[in-house]
Amino acid sequence: MHLSEAVAAWENDVDADALTDQQTKRVYVSLYQTHLPKLDDAGIVEYDRDSGAVALADAVDELDTYLPNGSDDEIPWQMLYLALAAVGLLLYVATMTFSLMPLSVLGIVLLALFGVLAAAQYQLSRRR
């Protein structure tokens, strides 16, 4: 399978056998004219325009810093922030209904919780 077929199949979410010529050609042209020369200039791949050969360069390992590794042990930060928003809404409703605490105290508590969560996310991302 050629690189353009693999990318086209991935982009269109179909098997390579189900690709149309137009889908494959569109990807081939963009790879040939734009993406592969830029990746070659950046030192990510070694691209021989005459033969069409493409190989990963040593610098590709540097991309691991910026790309997700797909591991299951990652913390679902968006869910933690969503939970914090939900707790904040519930506390707000409870405060307005039962006068549990002044709104200024509620605001400070929620801001502090948000700050702790953001700091934890920052520190864990720096360690990676």
C-alpha atoms as a PDB file:
ATOM      1  CA  MET A   1       0.000   0.000   0.000  1.00  0.00           C
ATOM      2  CA  HIS A   2       1.301   3.461  -0.856  1.00  0.00           C
ATOM      3  CA  LEU A   3       1.433   6.287   1.643  1.00  0.00           C
ATOM      4  CA  SER A   4      -1.215   8.262  -0.235  1.00  0.00           C
ATOM      5  CA  GLU A   5      -3.597   5.276  -0.105  1.00  0.00           C
ATOM      6  CA  ALA A   6      -3.031   4.773   3.618  1.00  0.00           C
ATOM      7  CA  VAL A   7      -3.634   8.457   4.377  1.00  0.00           C
ATOM      8  CA  ALA A   8      -6.696   8.609   2.105  1.00  0.00           C
ATOM      9  CA  ALA A   9      -8.176   5.520   3.744  1.00  0.00           C
ATOM     10  CA  TRP A  10      -7.578   7.023   7.195  1.00  0.00           C
ATOM     11  CA  GLU A  11      -9.016  10.430   6.212  1.00  0.00           C
ATOM     12  CA  ASN A  12     -12.113   8.903   4.624  1.00  0.00           C
ATOM     13  CA  ASP A  13     -12.537   6.187   7.261  1.00  0.00           C
ATOM     14  CA  VAL A  14     -12.716   3.387   4.692  1.00  0.00           C
ATOM     15  CA  ASP A  15     -10.603   0.407   3.686  1.00  0.00           C
ATOM     16  CA  ALA A  16      -7.976   1.119   1.053  1.00  0.00           C
ATOM     17  CA  ASP A  17      -9.863  -1.168  -1.339  1.00  0.00           C
ATOM     18  CA  ALA A  18     -12.936   1.074  -1.111  1.00  0.00           C
ATOM     19  CA  LEU A  19     -11.123   4.295  -2.062  1.00  0.00           C
ATOM     20  CA  THR A  20     -12.038   6.140  -5.217  1.00  0.00           C
ATOM     21  CA  ASP A  21      -9.338   7.350  -7.575  1.00  0.00           C
ATOM     22  CA  GLN A  22     -10.281  10.931  -6.736  1.00  0.00           C
ATOM     23  CA  GLN A  23      -9.779  10.385  -2.989  1.00  0.00           C
ATOM     24  CA  THR A  24      -6.353   8.839  -3.515  1.00  0.00           C
ATOM     25  CA  LYS A  25      -5.270  11.461  -6.066  1.00  0.00           C
ATOM     26  CA  ARG A  26      -6.280  14.363  -3.819  1.00  0.00           C
ATOM     27  CA  VAL A  27      -4.093  13.021  -1.005  1.00  0.00           C
ATOM     28  CA  TYR A  28      -1.243  12.130  -3.364  1.00  0.00           C
ATOM     29  CA  VAL A  29      -1.116  15.638  -4.794  1.00  0.00           C
ATOM     30  CA  SER A  30      -1.161  17.337  -1.386  1.00  0.00           C
ATOM     31  CA  LEU A  31       1.535  14.989  -0.066  1.00  0.00           C
ATOM     32  CA  TYR A  32       3.735  15.415  -3.140  1.00  0.00           C
ATOM     33  CA  GLN A  33       3.357  19.184  -3.509  1.00  0.00           C
ATOM     34  CA  THR A  34       3.113  20.348   0.083  1.00  0.00           C
ATOM     35  CA  HIS A  35       3.408  18.010   3.038  1.00  0.00           C
ATOM     36  CA  LEU A  36       6.357  15.778   2.176  1.00  0.00           C
ATOM     37  CA  PRO A  37       8.656  18.639   1.060  1.00  0.00           C
ATOM     38  CA  LYS A  38       7.843  20.556   4.270  1.00  0.00           C
ATOM     39  CA  LEU A  39       8.407  17.487   6.456  1.00  0.00           C
ATOM     40  CA  ASP A  40      11.678  16.870   4.630  1.00  0.00           C
ATOM     41  CA  ASP A  41      12.776  20.487   5.182  1.00  0.00           C
ATOM     42  CA  ALA A  42      11.914  20.158   8.889  1.00  0.00           C
ATOM     43  CA  GLY A  43      13.995  16.977   9.170  1.00  0.00           C
ATOM     44  CA  ILE A  44      11.025  14.809  10.128  1.00  0.00           C
ATOM     45  CA  VAL A  45      11.182  12.578   7.043  1.00  0.00           C
ATOM     46  CA  GLU A  46      13.719  11.868   4.357  1.00  0.00           C
ATOM     47  CA  TYR A  47      11.940  12.372   1.056  1.00  0.00           C
ATOM     48  CA  ASP A  48      13.457  11.647  -2.346  1.00  0.00           C
ATOM     49  CA  ARG A  49      11.258  13.539  -4.785  1.00  0.00           C
ATOM     50  CA  ASP A  50      12.648  11.703  -7.824  1.00  0.00           C
ATOM     51  CA  SER A  51      11.993   8.166  -6.585  1.00  0.00           C
ATOM     52  CA  GLY A  52       9.089   9.011  -4.270  1.00  0.00           C
ATOM     53  CA  ALA A  53      10.768   7.188  -1.383  1.00  0.00           C
ATOM     54  CA  VAL A  54       9.796   8.362   2.094  1.00  0.00           C
ATOM     55  CA  ALA A  55      11.467   7.323   5.353  1.00  0.00           C
ATOM     56  CA  LEU A  56      11.287   8.628   8.897  1.00  0.00           C
ATOM     57  CA  ALA A  57      14.281  10.719   9.954  1.00  0.00           C
ATOM     58  CA  ASP A  58      15.907  10.594  13.384  1.00  0.00           C
ATOM     59  CA  ALA A  59      14.247  13.889  14.384  1.00  0.00           C
ATOM     60  CA  VAL A  60      10.841  12.208  14.364  1.00  0.00           C
ATOM     61  CA  ASP A  61      11.426  11.131  17.978  1.00  0.00           C
ATOM     62  CA  GLU A  62      11.218  14.784  19.017  1.00  0.00           C
ATOM     63  CA  LEU A  63       7.550  14.819  18.003  1.00  0.00           C
ATOM     64  CA  ASP A  64       6.672  12.472  20.885  1.00  0.00           C
ATOM     65  CA  THR A  65       6.844  15.496  23.177  1.00  0.00           C
ATOM     66  CA  TYR A  66       3.989  17.170  21.305  1.00  0.00           C
ATOM     67  CA  LEU A  67       1.795  14.277  20.242  1.00  0.00           C
ATOM     68  CA  PRO A  68      -0.503  12.278  22.516  1.00  0.00           C
ATOM     69  CA  ASN A  69       0.667   8.742  23.137  1.00  0.00           C
ATOM     70  CA  GLY A  70      -2.839   7.300  23.365  1.00  0.00           C
ATOM     71  CA  SER A  71      -2.192   5.651  26.699  1.00  0.00           C
ATOM     72  CA  ASP A  72      -5.163   4.828  28.884  1.00  0.00           C
ATOM     73  CA  ASP A  73      -3.572   6.244  32.030  1.00  0.00           C
ATOM     74  CA  GLU A  74      -4.063   9.877  31.024  1.00  0.00           C
ATOM     75  CA  ILE A  75      -6.223  11.998  33.244  1.00  0.00           C
ATOM     76  CA  PRO A  76      -9.454  13.147  31.554  1.00  0.00           C
ATOM     77  CA  TRP A  77      -8.939  16.832  32.385  1.00  0.00           C
ATOM     78  CA  GLN A  78     -12.000  17.982  30.471  1.00  0.00           C
ATOM     79  CA  MET A  79     -14.163  15.754  32.670  1.00  0.00           C
ATOM     80  CA  LEU A  80     -12.565  17.144  35.838  1.00  0.00           C
ATOM     81  CA  TYR A  81     -13.230  20.713  34.714  1.00  0.00           C
ATOM     82  CA  LEU A  82     -16.797  19.738  33.787  1.00  0.00           C
ATOM     83  CA  ALA A  83     -17.281  18.180  37.225  1.00  0.00           C
ATOM     84  CA  LEU A  84     -15.938  21.339  38.866  1.00  0.00           C
ATOM     85  CA  ALA A  85     -18.421  23.426  36.864  1.00  0.00           C
ATOM     86  CA  ALA A  86     -21.274  21.109  37.876  1.00  0.00           C
ATOM     87  CA  VAL A  87     -20.292  21.252  41.551  1.00  0.00           C
ATOM     88  CA  GLY A  88     -20.057  25.016  41.290  1.00  0.00           C
ATOM     89  CA  LEU A  89     -23.536  25.225  39.798  1.00  0.00           C
ATOM     90  CA  LEU A  90     -24.973  22.987  42.510  1.00  0.00           C
ATOM     91  CA  LEU A  91     -23.280  25.032  45.237  1.00  0.00           C
ATOM     92  CA  TYR A  92     -24.589  28.233  43.667  1.00  0.00           C
ATOM     93  CA  VAL A  93     -28.165  26.905  43.589  1.00  0.00           C
ATOM     94  CA  ALA A  94     -27.846  25.632  47.157  1.00  0.00           C
ATOM     95  CA  THR A  95     -26.408  28.951  48.308  1.00  0.00           C
ATOM     96  CA  MET A  96     -29.182  30.921  46.644  1.00  0.00           C
ATOM     97  CA  THR A  97     -31.868  28.568  47.975  1.00  0.00           C
ATOM     98  CA  PHE A  98     -30.671  27.955  51.520  1.00  0.00           C
ATOM     99  CA  SER A  99     -28.281  30.887  52.096  1.00  0.00           C
ATOM    100  CA  LEU A 100     -25.448  28.499  52.974  1.00  0.00           C
ATOM    101  CA  MET A 101     -22.682  31.063  52.517  1.00  0.00           C
ATOM    102  CA  PRO A 102     -22.160  34.480  50.967  1.00  0.00           C
ATOM    103  CA  LEU A 103     -21.708  34.448  47.187  1.00  0.00           C
ATOM    104  CA  SER A 104     -18.285  36.051  47.585  1.00  0.00           C
ATOM    105  CA  VAL A 105     -17.097  33.060  49.647  1.00  0.00           C
ATOM    106  CA  LEU A 106     -18.528  30.651  47.074  1.00  0.00           C
ATOM    107  CA  GLY A 107     -16.696  32.521  44.323  1.00  0.00           C
ATOM    108  CA  ILE A 108     -13.404  32.373  46.190  1.00  0.00           C
ATOM    109  CA  VAL A 109     -13.810  28.641  46.897  1.00  0.00           C
ATOM    110  CA  LEU A 110     -14.586  27.851  43.255  1.00  0.00           C
ATOM    111  CA  LEU A 111     -11.731  30.029  42.025  1.00  0.00           C
ATOM    112  CA  ALA A 112      -9.342  28.286  44.421  1.00  0.00           C
ATOM    113  CA  LEU A 113     -10.516  24.838  43.263  1.00  0.00           C
ATOM    114  CA  PHE A 114     -10.103  25.855  39.636  1.00  0.00           C
ATOM    115  CA  GLY A 115      -6.604  27.160  40.391  1.00  0.00           C
ATOM    116  CA  VAL A 116      -5.585  23.922  42.117  1.00  0.00           C
ATOM    117  CA  LEU A 117      -6.906  21.842  39.220  1.00  0.00           C
ATOM    118  CA  ALA A 118      -5.153  24.021  36.624  1.00  0.00           C
ATOM    119  CA  ALA A 119      -1.875  23.916  38.580  1.00  0.00           C
ATOM    120  CA  ALA A 120      -2.058  20.115  38.826  1.00  0.00           C
ATOM    121  CA  GLN A 121      -2.665  19.818  35.094  1.00  0.00           C
ATOM    122  CA  TYR A 122       0.247  22.159  34.383  1.00  0.00           C
ATOM    123  CA  GLN A 123       2.668  20.291  36.651  1.00  0.00           C
ATOM    124  CA  LEU A 124       1.731  16.872  35.264  1.00  0.00           C
ATOM    125  CA  SER A 125       2.047  18.060  31.666  1.00  0.00           C
ATOM    126  CA  ARG A 126       5.501  19.522  32.403  1.00  0.00           C
ATOM    127  CA  ARG A 127       6.706  16.186  33.804  1.00  0.00           C
ATOM    128  CA  ARG A 128       5.859  14.494  30.524  1.00  0.00           C
END
